[in-house]
Amino acid sequence: MSDSNTVLKTKDTRIELRVTQEQKELLEKAAQLRGISVTAYTLSQVLPVARQDVETSDRLVLSNRDRDLFMAALENPPTLKGKLKDAILKYKDEYNL
């Protein structure tokens, strides 16, 4: 399995996977049907799912209402007051901004 964007790297890390005998036989049969090793078969099935899981967790999905509220706050930010305003002014003064 080769990703067109991946540079060939030395595989120097192992992952052990404990499975039942039936699961092992199933993986071996599936890999054999594709003419690849169990390792290659497992990686070809697991890596796309792992990438999708990571991409999903990295993405913030807002409802239409929340998106509209967020955009409105960006376009018309509320007036700063109180401790937040004091902290921002102190920061700007301290770093000459």
Protein backbone atom coordinates (compact mmCIF):
# COMPACT_ATOMS: atom_id res chain seq x y z
CA MET A 1 0.00 0.00 0.00
CA SER A 2 1.59 3.26 -1.10
CA ASP A 3 0.16 6.71 -0.64
CA SER A 4 1.20 8.95 -3.54
CA ASN A 5 2.00 11.76 -1.09
CA THR A 6 4.10 9.59 1.20
CA VAL A 7 7.87 9.39 0.99
CA LEU A 8 9.19 5.86 1.53
CA LYS A 9 10.30 5.62 5.13
CA THR A 10 11.87 2.85 7.12
CA LYS A 11 9.28 0.95 9.09
CA ASP A 12 10.89 0.71 12.50
CA THR A 13 7.88 0.67 14.83
CA ARG A 14 5.65 -2.26 15.65
CA ILE A 15 2.05 -2.56 16.74
CA GLU A 16 0.82 -5.81 18.20
CA LEU A 17 -2.77 -6.82 17.72
CA ARG A 18 -4.39 -9.54 19.80
CA VAL A 19 -7.22 -11.31 18.01
CA THR A 20 -9.17 -14.53 18.30
CA GLN A 21 -8.23 -17.48 16.13
CA GLU A 22 -11.32 -16.88 14.01
CA GLN A 23 -10.42 -13.21 13.49
CA LYS A 24 -6.88 -14.17 12.51
CA GLU A 25 -8.14 -16.70 10.00
CA LEU A 26 -10.54 -14.18 8.52
CA LEU A 27 -7.81 -11.55 8.15
CA GLU A 28 -5.47 -14.10 6.59
CA LYS A 29 -8.13 -15.21 4.09
CA ALA A 30 -9.01 -11.61 3.17
CA ALA A 31 -5.33 -10.74 2.70
CA GLN A 32 -4.78 -13.87 0.61
CA LEU A 33 -7.72 -12.96 -1.63
CA ARG A 34 -6.02 -9.64 -2.36
CA GLY A 35 -2.60 -11.23 -2.70
CA ILE A 36 -1.03 -9.16 0.07
CA SER A 37 0.27 -9.77 3.57
CA VAL A 38 -1.93 -9.58 6.64
CA THR A 39 0.02 -6.49 7.70
CA ALA A 40 -0.55 -4.77 4.34
CA TYR A 41 -4.22 -5.77 4.37
CA THR A 42 -4.76 -4.52 7.92
CA LEU A 43 -3.04 -1.20 7.19
CA SER A 44 -5.00 -0.74 3.97
CA GLN A 45 -8.24 -1.10 5.91
CA VAL A 46 -7.36 0.70 9.14
CA LEU A 47 -5.37 3.76 8.00
CA PRO A 48 -8.17 5.36 5.93
CA VAL A 49 -10.56 5.02 8.87
CA ALA A 50 -7.95 6.44 11.26
CA ARG A 51 -7.35 9.42 8.95
CA GLN A 52 -11.09 10.07 8.75
CA ASP A 53 -11.47 9.89 12.54
CA VAL A 54 -8.64 12.40 13.03
CA GLU A 55 -9.98 14.74 10.34
CA THR A 56 -13.44 14.58 11.88
CA SER A 57 -12.15 15.42 15.34
CA ASP A 58 -10.07 18.31 13.97
CA ARG A 59 -13.04 19.86 12.18
CA LEU A 60 -15.52 22.12 13.93
CA VAL A 61 -19.03 21.65 12.57
CA LEU A 62 -21.57 24.31 13.42
CA SER A 63 -25.30 24.34 12.95
CA ASN A 64 -26.63 27.09 10.67
CA ARG A 65 -27.73 29.04 13.74
CA ASP A 66 -24.34 28.74 15.44
CA ARG A 67 -22.54 29.66 12.22
CA ASP A 68 -24.70 32.78 11.87
CA LEU A 69 -24.06 33.78 15.50
CA PHE A 70 -20.32 33.27 15.06
CA MET A 71 -20.20 35.31 11.85
CA ALA A 72 -22.29 38.08 13.42
CA ALA A 73 -19.87 38.27 16.35
CA LEU A 74 -16.93 38.52 13.94
CA GLU A 75 -18.61 41.19 11.85
CA ASN A 76 -19.93 43.19 14.83
CA PRO A 77 -17.81 42.35 17.87
CA PRO A 78 -19.29 43.35 21.22
CA THR A 79 -17.82 46.36 23.04
CA LEU A 80 -15.09 45.33 25.43
CA LYS A 81 -15.59 46.17 29.08
CA GLY A 82 -14.56 45.11 32.54
CA LYS A 83 -11.66 42.79 33.30
CA LEU A 84 -11.30 41.59 29.70
CA LYS A 85 -10.86 45.14 28.46
CA ASP A 86 -8.35 45.87 31.24
CA ALA A 87 -6.38 42.71 30.43
CA ILE A 88 -6.23 43.53 26.71
CA LEU A 89 -5.09 47.10 27.39
CA LYS A 90 -2.44 45.84 29.83
CA TYR A 91 -1.22 43.29 27.23
CA LYS A 92 -1.05 45.93 24.48
CA ASP A 93 0.81 48.31 26.76
CA GLU A 94 3.22 45.64 27.96
CA TYR A 95 4.11 44.51 24.41
CA ASN A 96 3.93 47.95 22.77
CA LEU A 97 1.08 46.99 20.46
